[in-house]
Every structure is written in C-alpha cells, then in structure tokens.
Amino acid sequence: MLVRSEIARKLPEELLSTYLSLSNEERKLRFLGTSEAARLTGLSRRTIQLWIEMGHIQAVPIGRRYQIDMTSLRQRLEQAAKNF
C-alpha cells in the first residue's frame, strides 16, 4: 500500500498548482473530500481511498485528508460503467 508521501510524489504537479491557485469557492466546485465522494457515488469511503492509493483517481493530500479532483472521479466512474 502506498503511503501519503508516495501519493504526493505521484501527484501531477499541475493538479497541485491548480488546487493552490483556486479560491475557496472554486475549490468547492472542483474538489471533493472522500466522504463527499463516497456519498455522491454510493461507494464506501474506503473504496474511494483505495482508488486514490491505486492511482485510479487523482487527489491532493491536504493534511490528513484528500481533496479529490471531480474530473478524475467522473472519468473513473465512466470507465467502470463501460467495463460493467
């Protein structure tokens, strides 16, 4: 399993730059926490965390929490639907 520092190293630099460049309101529109993503998708919070750790979705680690890129989450869900 990947640790946070390994995830942060694999994080595309442009995603982190994008996150940091957005205002708080814009961040709320573009990024979700793991609990919000789980609630929205109907999946467990742990599944969302595993997808981050496996590199299936992109997220910015902020402190002890992740902020998930909604575009990345949508792409993963569309891919999963195609394989269903």
Protein backbone atom coordinates (compact mmCIF):
# COMPACT_ATOMS: atom_id res chain seq x y z
CA MET A 1 0.00 0.00 0.00
CA LEU A 2 1.23 3.49 -0.80
CA VAL A 3 1.89 5.93 1.99
CA ARG A 4 0.90 9.58 1.75
CA SER A 5 4.38 10.75 0.79
CA GLU A 6 4.41 8.32 -2.16
CA ILE A 7 1.00 9.52 -3.28
CA ALA A 8 2.14 13.13 -3.05
CA ARG A 9 5.20 12.33 -5.18
CA LYS A 10 2.99 10.72 -7.84
CA LEU A 11 0.62 13.65 -7.83
CA PRO A 12 0.76 15.58 -11.08
CA GLU A 13 2.34 18.93 -10.34
CA GLU A 14 -0.31 20.74 -12.39
CA LEU A 15 -3.12 19.35 -10.18
CA LEU A 16 -1.46 20.70 -7.06
CA SER A 17 -0.83 24.04 -8.80
CA THR A 18 -4.45 24.18 -9.88
CA TYR A 19 -5.67 23.43 -6.36
CA LEU A 20 -3.48 26.13 -4.85
CA SER A 21 -4.44 28.72 -7.46
CA LEU A 22 -8.20 28.41 -6.85
CA SER A 23 -10.22 30.45 -4.42
CA ASN A 24 -12.06 28.58 -1.66
CA GLU A 25 -15.33 28.80 -3.60
CA GLU A 26 -13.72 27.46 -6.78
CA ARG A 27 -12.10 24.61 -4.83
CA LYS A 28 -15.52 23.57 -3.51
CA LEU A 29 -16.76 23.31 -7.09
CA ARG A 30 -13.75 21.35 -8.42
CA PHE A 31 -12.68 19.14 -5.48
CA LEU A 32 -14.45 16.80 -3.03
CA GLY A 33 -13.45 15.19 0.23
CA THR A 34 -13.50 11.39 0.49
CA SER A 35 -16.74 11.35 2.50
CA GLU A 36 -18.47 13.59 -0.04
CA ALA A 37 -17.21 11.46 -2.93
CA ALA A 38 -18.42 8.29 -1.19
CA ARG A 39 -21.85 9.77 -0.54
CA LEU A 40 -22.15 11.09 -4.10
CA THR A 41 -21.13 7.80 -5.74
CA GLY A 42 -22.78 5.38 -3.31
CA LEU A 43 -19.42 3.75 -2.61
CA SER A 44 -17.67 3.36 0.71
CA ARG A 45 -15.15 5.90 1.91
CA ARG A 46 -12.52 3.14 1.97
CA THR A 47 -13.17 2.32 -1.71
CA ILE A 48 -12.57 5.97 -2.58
CA GLN A 49 -9.35 5.93 -0.53
CA LEU A 50 -8.19 2.75 -2.27
CA TRP A 51 -8.86 4.27 -5.68
CA ILE A 52 -6.64 7.19 -4.68
CA GLU A 53 -3.90 4.90 -3.39
CA MET A 54 -4.08 2.75 -6.54
CA GLY A 55 -3.91 5.81 -8.77
CA HIS A 56 -7.39 5.34 -10.27
CA ILE A 57 -8.41 8.84 -9.22
CA GLN A 58 -6.33 11.91 -8.53
CA ALA A 59 -6.44 13.73 -5.22
CA VAL A 60 -4.43 16.36 -3.44
CA PRO A 61 -3.36 15.35 0.08
CA ILE A 62 -4.11 18.26 2.42
CA GLY A 63 -3.02 17.49 5.95
CA ARG A 64 -4.56 14.13 6.83
CA ARG A 65 -7.32 14.38 4.23
CA TYR A 66 -7.61 14.15 0.47
CA GLN A 67 -9.28 16.59 -1.89
CA ILE A 68 -10.41 14.59 -4.91
CA ASP A 69 -10.42 16.04 -8.40
CA MET A 70 -14.03 15.60 -9.57
CA THR A 71 -12.97 15.28 -13.21
CA SER A 72 -10.77 12.32 -12.28
CA LEU A 73 -13.60 10.73 -10.27
CA ARG A 74 -16.04 11.14 -13.14
CA GLN A 75 -13.59 9.53 -15.58
CA ARG A 76 -13.11 6.57 -13.23
CA LEU A 77 -16.84 6.07 -12.87
CA GLU A 78 -17.36 6.25 -16.63
CA GLN A 79 -14.56 3.71 -17.16
CA ALA A 80 -16.09 1.39 -14.54
CA ALA A 81 -19.50 1.67 -16.21
CA LYS A 82 -18.01 0.69 -19.58
CA ASN A 83 -16.41 -2.40 -18.03
CA PHE A 84 -19.60 -3.43 -16.24
